[in-house]
Amino acid sequence: MSDSSEAKIVTADALTLLLQNQHALAAAIEEITKWLSENGVGCVAANAMTAMETLDTNAQAMTDAIMRLRQS
């Protein structure tokens, strides 16, 4: 295996772990947002939803990058 190929695998593996962390953070924020909404803190819940949208957008970009690395 060439150094370039190995570097791509290592990079894709690291990005995969970061993506898993991102999904875990999104799940935690979702739970907190639900609790905030149920306890009358709607403005904070709205801010948390905005953060989740950013996580979702970035997760898709990371997924695409991982797939490109793994296919090259």
PDB file of N, CA and C in Angstrom:
ATOM      1  N   MET A   1       0.852  -1.170   0.000  1.00  0.00           N
ATOM      2  CA  MET A   1       0.000   0.000   0.000  1.00  0.00           C
ATOM      3  C   MET A   1       0.898   1.233   0.000  1.00  0.00           C
ATOM      4  N   SER A   2       0.587   2.198  -0.851  1.00  0.00           N
ATOM      5  CA  SER A   2       1.412   3.396  -0.935  1.00  0.00           C
ATOM      6  C   SER A   2       1.164   4.307   0.256  1.00  0.00           C
ATOM      7  N   ASP A   3       2.135   5.186   0.504  1.00  0.00           N
ATOM      8  CA  ASP A   3       1.988   6.141   1.612  1.00  0.00           C
ATOM      9  C   ASP A   3       0.761   7.023   1.413  1.00  0.00           C
ATOM     10  N   SER A   4       0.503   7.409   0.166  1.00  0.00           N
ATOM     11  CA  SER A   4      -0.651   8.258  -0.130  1.00  0.00           C
ATOM     12  C   SER A   4      -1.956   7.534   0.179  1.00  0.00           C
ATOM     13  N   SER A   5      -2.031   6.273  -0.225  1.00  0.00           N
ATOM     14  CA  SER A   5      -3.229   5.476   0.030  1.00  0.00           C
ATOM     15  C   SER A   5      -3.439   5.274   1.527  1.00  0.00           C
ATOM     16  N   GLU A   6      -2.360   4.999   2.227  1.00  0.00           N
ATOM     17  CA  GLU A   6      -2.466   4.807   3.678  1.00  0.00           C
ATOM     18  C   GLU A   6      -2.882   6.099   4.373  1.00  0.00           C
ATOM     19  N   ALA A   7      -2.357   7.207   3.912  1.00  0.00           N
ATOM     20  CA  ALA A   7      -2.725   8.506   4.490  1.00  0.00           C
ATOM     21  C   ALA A   7      -4.207   8.795   4.273  1.00  0.00           C
ATOM     22  N   LYS A   8      -4.731   8.421   3.111  1.00  0.00           N
ATOM     23  CA  LYS A   8      -6.157   8.628   2.838  1.00  0.00           C
ATOM     24  C   LYS A   8      -7.016   7.774   3.766  1.00  0.00           C
ATOM     25  N   ILE A   9      -6.589   6.536   4.007  1.00  0.00           N
ATOM     26  CA  ILE A   9      -7.332   5.648   4.895  1.00  0.00           C
ATOM     27  C   ILE A   9      -7.335   6.196   6.318  1.00  0.00           C
ATOM     28  N   VAL A  10      -6.168   6.624   6.781  1.00  0.00           N
ATOM     29  CA  VAL A  10      -6.059   7.178   8.137  1.00  0.00           C
ATOM     30  C   VAL A  10      -6.913   8.437   8.259  1.00  0.00           C
ATOM     31  N   THR A  11      -6.874   9.278   7.245  1.00  0.00           N
ATOM     32  CA  THR A  11      -7.673  10.508   7.258  1.00  0.00           C
ATOM     33  C   THR A  11      -9.160  10.186   7.270  1.00  0.00           C
ATOM     34  N   ALA A  12      -9.573   9.251   6.429  1.00  0.00           N
ATOM     35  CA  ALA A  12     -10.988   8.859   6.380  1.00  0.00           C
ATOM     36  C   ALA A  12     -11.429   8.255   7.714  1.00  0.00           C
ATOM     37  N   ASP A  13     -10.572   7.435   8.318  1.00  0.00           N
ATOM     38  CA  ASP A  13     -10.906   6.851   9.624  1.00  0.00           C
ATOM     39  C   ASP A  13     -11.057   7.932  10.691  1.00  0.00           C
ATOM     40  N   ALA A  14     -10.150   8.908  10.689  1.00  0.00           N
ATOM     41  CA  ALA A  14     -10.230  10.001  11.669  1.00  0.00           C
ATOM     42  C   ALA A  14     -11.486  10.829  11.448  1.00  0.00           C
ATOM     43  N   LEU A  15     -11.797  11.119  10.197  1.00  0.00           N
ATOM     44  CA  LEU A  15     -13.013  11.879   9.895  1.00  0.00           C
ATOM     45  C   LEU A  15     -14.260  11.105  10.301  1.00  0.00           C
ATOM     46  N   THR A  16     -14.220   9.790  10.136  1.00  0.00           N
ATOM     47  CA  THR A  16     -15.353   8.957  10.538  1.00  0.00           C
ATOM     48  C   THR A  16     -15.594   9.063  12.046  1.00  0.00           C
ATOM     49  N   LEU A  17     -14.523   9.040  12.814  1.00  0.00           N
ATOM     50  CA  LEU A  17     -14.664   9.190  14.273  1.00  0.00           C
ATOM     51  C   LEU A  17     -15.209  10.562  14.634  1.00  0.00           C
ATOM     52  N   LEU A  18     -14.721  11.593  13.970  1.00  0.00           N
ATOM     53  CA  LEU A  18     -15.248  12.946  14.218  1.00  0.00           C
ATOM     54  C   LEU A  18     -16.724  13.031  13.848  1.00  0.00           C
ATOM     55  N   LEU A  19     -17.096  12.387  12.770  1.00  0.00           N
ATOM     56  CA  LEU A  19     -18.496  12.388  12.356  1.00  0.00           C
ATOM     57  C   LEU A  19     -19.363  11.671  13.389  1.00  0.00           C
ATOM     58  N   GLN A  20     -18.873  10.556  13.928  1.00  0.00           N
ATOM     59  CA  GLN A  20     -19.621   9.861  14.976  1.00  0.00           C
ATOM     60  C   GLN A  20     -19.784  10.753  16.203  1.00  0.00           C
ATOM     61  N   ASN A  21     -18.728  11.490  16.555  1.00  0.00           N
ATOM     62  CA  ASN A  21     -18.833  12.439  17.669  1.00  0.00           C
ATOM     63  C   ASN A  21     -19.872  13.510  17.363  1.00  0.00           C
ATOM     64  N   GLN A  22     -19.874  13.969  16.129  1.00  0.00           N
ATOM     65  CA  GLN A  22     -20.829  15.006  15.734  1.00  0.00           C
ATOM     66  C   GLN A  22     -22.259  14.491  15.855  1.00  0.00           C
ATOM     67  N   HIS A  23     -22.490  13.257  15.457  1.00  0.00           N
ATOM     68  CA  HIS A  23     -23.831  12.674  15.594  1.00  0.00           C
ATOM     69  C   HIS A  23     -24.224  12.548  17.072  1.00  0.00           C
ATOM     70  N   ALA A  24     -23.281  12.174  17.915  1.00  0.00           N
ATOM     71  CA  ALA A  24     -23.558  12.068  19.351  1.00  0.00           C
ATOM     72  C   ALA A  24     -23.898  13.435  19.937  1.00  0.00           C
ATOM     73  N   LEU A  25     -23.154  14.453  19.539  1.00  0.00           N
ATOM     74  CA  LEU A  25     -23.448  15.819  20.016  1.00  0.00           C
ATOM     75  C   LEU A  25     -24.831  16.271  19.553  1.00  0.00           C
ATOM     76  N   ALA A  26     -25.160  15.969  18.311  1.00  0.00           N
ATOM     77  CA  ALA A  26     -26.480  16.346  17.802  1.00  0.00           C
ATOM     78  C   ALA A  26     -27.588  15.672  18.598  1.00  0.00           C
ATOM     79  N   ALA A  27     -27.395  14.398  18.938  1.00  0.00           N
ATOM     80  CA  ALA A  27     -28.404  13.684  19.728  1.00  0.00           C
ATOM     81  C   ALA A  27     -28.544  14.310  21.116  1.00  0.00           C
ATOM     82  N   ALA A  28     -27.422  14.679  21.717  1.00  0.00           N
ATOM     83  CA  ALA A  28     -27.471  15.316  23.037  1.00  0.00           C
ATOM     84  C   ALA A  28     -28.173  16.666  22.959  1.00  0.00           C
ATOM     85  N   ILE A  29     -27.852  17.452  21.951  1.00  0.00           N
ATOM     86  CA  ILE A  29     -28.488  18.765  21.792  1.00  0.00           C
ATOM     87  C   ILE A  29     -29.980  18.596  21.543  1.00  0.00           C
ATOM     88  N   GLU A  30     -30.348  17.568  20.786  1.00  0.00           N
ATOM     89  CA  GLU A  30     -31.761  17.312  20.532  1.00  0.00           C
ATOM     90  C   GLU A  30     -32.516  17.017  21.833  1.00  0.00           C
ATOM     91  N   GLU A  31     -31.912  16.205  22.703  1.00  0.00           N
ATOM     92  CA  GLU A  31     -32.536  15.900  23.990  1.00  0.00           C
ATOM     93  C   GLU A  31     -32.673  17.160  24.850  1.00  0.00           C
ATOM     94  N   ILE A  32     -31.640  17.961  24.885  1.00  0.00           N
ATOM     95  CA  ILE A  32     -31.676  19.205  25.660  1.00  0.00           C
ATOM     96  C   ILE A  32     -32.715  20.154  25.089  1.00  0.00           C
ATOM     97  N   THR A  33     -32.786  20.230  23.765  1.00  0.00           N
ATOM     98  CA  THR A  33     -33.767  21.102  23.113  1.00  0.00           C
ATOM     99  C   THR A  33     -35.179  20.684  23.466  1.00  0.00           C
ATOM    100  N   LYS A  34     -35.425  19.377  23.460  1.00  0.00           N
ATOM    101  CA  LYS A  34     -36.753  18.873  23.831  1.00  0.00           C
ATOM    102  C   LYS A  34     -37.088  19.277  25.259  1.00  0.00           C
ATOM    103  N   TRP A  35     -36.142  19.104  26.163  1.00  0.00           N
ATOM    104  CA  TRP A  35     -36.379  19.465  27.565  1.00  0.00           C
ATOM    105  C   TRP A  35     -36.631  20.964  27.702  1.00  0.00           C
ATOM    106  N   LEU A  36     -35.834  21.772  27.003  1.00  0.00           N
ATOM    107  CA  LEU A  36     -36.013  23.224  27.067  1.00  0.00           C
ATOM    108  C   LEU A  36     -37.399  23.632  26.566  1.00  0.00           C
ATOM    109  N   SER A  37     -37.807  23.039  25.465  1.00  0.00           N
ATOM    110  CA  SER A  37     -39.130  23.360  24.903  1.00  0.00           C
ATOM    111  C   SER A  37     -40.246  22.985  25.868  1.00  0.00           C
ATOM    112  N   GLU A  38     -40.109  21.818  26.505  1.00  0.00           N
ATOM    113  CA  GLU A  38     -41.135  21.352  27.437  1.00  0.00           C
ATOM    114  C   GLU A  38     -41.168  22.158  28.729  1.00  0.00           C
ATOM    115  N   ASN A  39     -40.081  22.873  29.006  1.00  0.00           N
ATOM    116  CA  ASN A  39     -40.005  23.634  30.254  1.00  0.00           C
ATOM    117  C   ASN A  39     -40.035  25.139  30.034  1.00  0.00           C
ATOM    118  N   GLY A  40     -40.604  25.554  28.912  1.00  0.00           N
ATOM    119  CA  GLY A  40     -40.882  26.960  28.678  1.00  0.00           C
ATOM    120  C   GLY A  40     -39.690  27.838  28.359  1.00  0.00           C
ATOM    121  N   VAL A  41     -38.633  27.280  27.843  1.00  0.00           N
ATOM    122  CA  VAL A  41     -37.464  28.083  27.488  1.00  0.00           C
ATOM    123  C   VAL A  41     -37.303  28.014  25.965  1.00  0.00           C
ATOM    124  N   GLY A  42     -38.338  28.497  25.285  1.00  0.00           N
ATOM    125  CA  GLY A  42     -38.401  28.370  23.829  1.00  0.00           C
ATOM    126  C   GLY A  42     -37.292  29.083  23.085  1.00  0.00           C
ATOM    127  N   CYS A  43     -36.870  30.264  23.568  1.00  0.00           N
ATOM    128  CA  CYS A  43     -35.835  31.004  22.838  1.00  0.00           C
ATOM    129  C   CYS A  43     -34.503  30.264  22.880  1.00  0.00           C
ATOM    130  N   VAL A  44     -34.205  29.626  24.000  1.00  0.00           N
ATOM    131  CA  VAL A  44     -32.968  28.841  24.106  1.00  0.00           C
ATOM    132  C   VAL A  44     -33.095  27.600  23.235  1.00  0.00           C
ATOM    133  N   ALA A  45     -34.268  26.995  23.227  1.00  0.00           N
ATOM    134  CA  ALA A  45     -34.496  25.818  22.387  1.00  0.00           C
ATOM    135  C   ALA A  45     -34.304  26.167  20.917  1.00  0.00           C
ATOM    136  N   ALA A  46     -34.758  27.343  20.519  1.00  0.00           N
ATOM    137  CA  ALA A  46     -34.591  27.778  19.124  1.00  0.00           C
ATOM    138  C   ALA A  46     -33.110  27.922  18.774  1.00  0.00           C
ATOM    139  N   ASN A  47     -32.325  28.463  19.701  1.00  0.00           N
ATOM    140  CA  ASN A  47     -30.882  28.574  19.464  1.00  0.00           C
ATOM    141  C   ASN A  47     -30.236  27.201  19.343  1.00  0.00           C
ATOM    142  N   ALA A  48     -30.686  26.262  20.154  1.00  0.00           N
ATOM    143  CA  ALA A  48     -30.157  24.907  20.088  1.00  0.00           C
ATOM    144  C   ALA A  48     -30.513  24.258  18.750  1.00  0.00           C
ATOM    145  N   MET A  49     -31.703  24.523  18.250  1.00  0.00           N
ATOM    146  CA  MET A  49     -32.107  23.993  16.943  1.00  0.00           C
ATOM    147  C   MET A  49     -31.205  24.538  15.835  1.00  0.00           C
ATOM    148  N   THR A  50     -30.828  25.800  15.936  1.00  0.00           N
ATOM    149  CA  THR A  50     -29.913  26.389  14.955  1.00  0.00           C
ATOM    150  C   THR A  50     -28.567  25.675  14.999  1.00  0.00           C
ATOM    151  N   ALA A  51     -28.093  25.377  16.198  1.00  0.00           N
ATOM    152  CA  ALA A  51     -26.832  24.646  16.334  1.00  0.00           C
ATOM    153  C   ALA A  51     -26.950  23.261  15.711  1.00  0.00           C
ATOM    154  N   MET A  52     -28.087  22.613  15.889  1.00  0.00           N
ATOM    155  CA  MET A  52     -28.288  21.278  15.313  1.00  0.00           C
ATOM    156  C   MET A  52     -28.305  21.335  13.793  1.00  0.00           C
ATOM    157  N   GLU A  53     -28.877  22.391  13.232  1.00  0.00           N
ATOM    158  CA  GLU A  53     -28.890  22.535  11.776  1.00  0.00           C
ATOM    159  C   GLU A  53     -27.461  22.652  11.246  1.00  0.00           C
ATOM    160  N   THR A  54     -26.619  23.384  11.960  1.00  0.00           N
ATOM    161  CA  THR A  54     -25.219  23.503  11.562  1.00  0.00           C
ATOM    162  C   THR A  54     -24.522  22.153  11.638  1.00  0.00           C
ATOM    163  N   LEU A  55     -24.759  21.397  12.707  1.00  0.00           N
ATOM    164  CA  LEU A  55     -24.181  20.060  12.828  1.00  0.00           C
ATOM    165  C   LEU A  55     -24.623  19.168  11.674  1.00  0.00           C
ATOM    166  N   ASP A  56     -25.901  19.235  11.321  1.00  0.00           N
ATOM    167  CA  ASP A  56     -26.418  18.415  10.218  1.00  0.00           C
ATOM    168  C   ASP A  56     -25.755  18.778   8.896  1.00  0.00           C
ATOM    169  N   THR A  57     -25.638  20.080   8.636  1.00  0.00           N
ATOM    170  CA  THR A  57     -25.010  20.541   7.395  1.00  0.00           C
ATOM    171  C   THR A  57     -23.560  20.074   7.325  1.00  0.00           C
ATOM    172  N   ASN A  58     -22.838  20.258   8.414  1.00  0.00           N
ATOM    173  CA  ASN A  58     -21.433  19.866   8.439  1.00  0.00           C
ATOM    174  C   ASN A  58     -21.276  18.349   8.394  1.00  0.00           C
ATOM    175  N   ALA A  59     -22.191  17.617   8.996  1.00  0.00           N
ATOM    176  CA  ALA A  59     -22.126  16.156   8.960  1.00  0.00           C
ATOM    177  C   ALA A  59     -22.240  15.656   7.529  1.00  0.00           C
ATOM    178  N   GLN A  60     -23.106  16.269   6.763  1.00  0.00           N
ATOM    179  CA  GLN A  60     -23.251  15.849   5.364  1.00  0.00           C
ATOM    180  C   GLN A  60     -21.968  16.131   4.586  1.00  0.00           C
ATOM    181  N   ALA A  61     -21.358  17.285   4.811  1.00  0.00           N
ATOM    182  CA  ALA A  61     -20.108  17.609   4.129  1.00  0.00           C
ATOM    183  C   ALA A  61     -19.000  16.637   4.536  1.00  0.00           C
ATOM    184  N   MET A  62     -18.952  16.290   5.812  1.00  0.00           N
ATOM    185  CA  MET A  62     -17.947  15.331   6.272  1.00  0.00           C
ATOM    186  C   MET A  62     -18.187  13.950   5.661  1.00  0.00           C
ATOM    187  N   THR A  63     -19.435  13.540   5.583  1.00  0.00           N
ATOM    188  CA  THR A  63     -19.771  12.254   4.978  1.00  0.00           C
ATOM    189  C   THR A  63     -19.316  12.222   3.523  1.00  0.00           C
ATOM    190  N   ASP A  64     -19.573  13.298   2.801  1.00  0.00           N
ATOM    191  CA  ASP A  64     -19.156  13.377   1.403  1.00  0.00           C
ATOM    192  C   ASP A  64     -17.638  13.294   1.280  1.00  0.00           C
ATOM    193  N   ALA A  65     -16.922  13.986   2.150  1.00  0.00           N
ATOM    194  CA  ALA A  65     -15.453  13.966   2.114  1.00  0.00           C
ATOM    195  C   ALA A  65     -14.919  12.575   2.430  1.00  0.00           C
ATOM    196  N   ILE A  66     -15.519  11.924   3.402  1.00  0.00           N
ATOM    197  CA  ILE A  66     -15.104  10.563   3.761  1.00  0.00           C
ATOM    198  C   ILE A  66     -15.302   9.630   2.569  1.00  0.00           C
ATOM    199  N   MET A  67     -16.442   9.735   1.915  1.00  0.00           N
ATOM    200  CA  MET A  67     -16.724   8.869   0.766  1.00  0.00           C
ATOM    201  C   MET A  67     -15.734   9.128  -0.365  1.00  0.00           C
ATOM    202  N   ARG A  68     -15.402  10.392  -0.623  1.00  0.00           N
ATOM    203  CA  ARG A  68     -14.425  10.698  -1.671  1.00  0.00           C
ATOM    204  C   ARG A  68     -13.061  10.116  -1.336  1.00  0.00           C
ATOM    205  N   LEU A  69     -12.655  10.234  -0.076  1.00  0.00           N
ATOM    206  CA  LEU A  69     -11.362   9.656   0.332  1.00  0.00           C
ATOM    207  C   LEU A  69     -11.340   8.147   0.173  1.00  0.00           C
ATOM    208  N   ARG A  70     -12.409   7.509   0.588  1.00  0.00           N
ATOM    209  CA  ARG A  70     -12.449   6.046   0.545  1.00  0.00           C
ATOM    210  C   ARG A  70     -12.533   5.517  -0.889  1.00  0.00           C
ATOM    211  N   GLN A  71     -13.076   6.309  -1.803  1.00  0.00           N
ATOM    212  CA  GLN A  71     -13.211   5.866  -3.191  1.00  0.00           C
ATOM    213  C   GLN A  71     -11.968   6.169  -4.017  1.00  0.00           C
ATOM    214  N   SER A  72     -11.097   7.043  -3.512  1.00  0.00           N
ATOM    215  CA  SER A  72      -9.926   7.415  -4.321  1.00  0.00           C
ATOM    216  C   SER A  72      -8.739   6.502  -4.075  1.00  0.00           C
TER     217      SER A  72
END
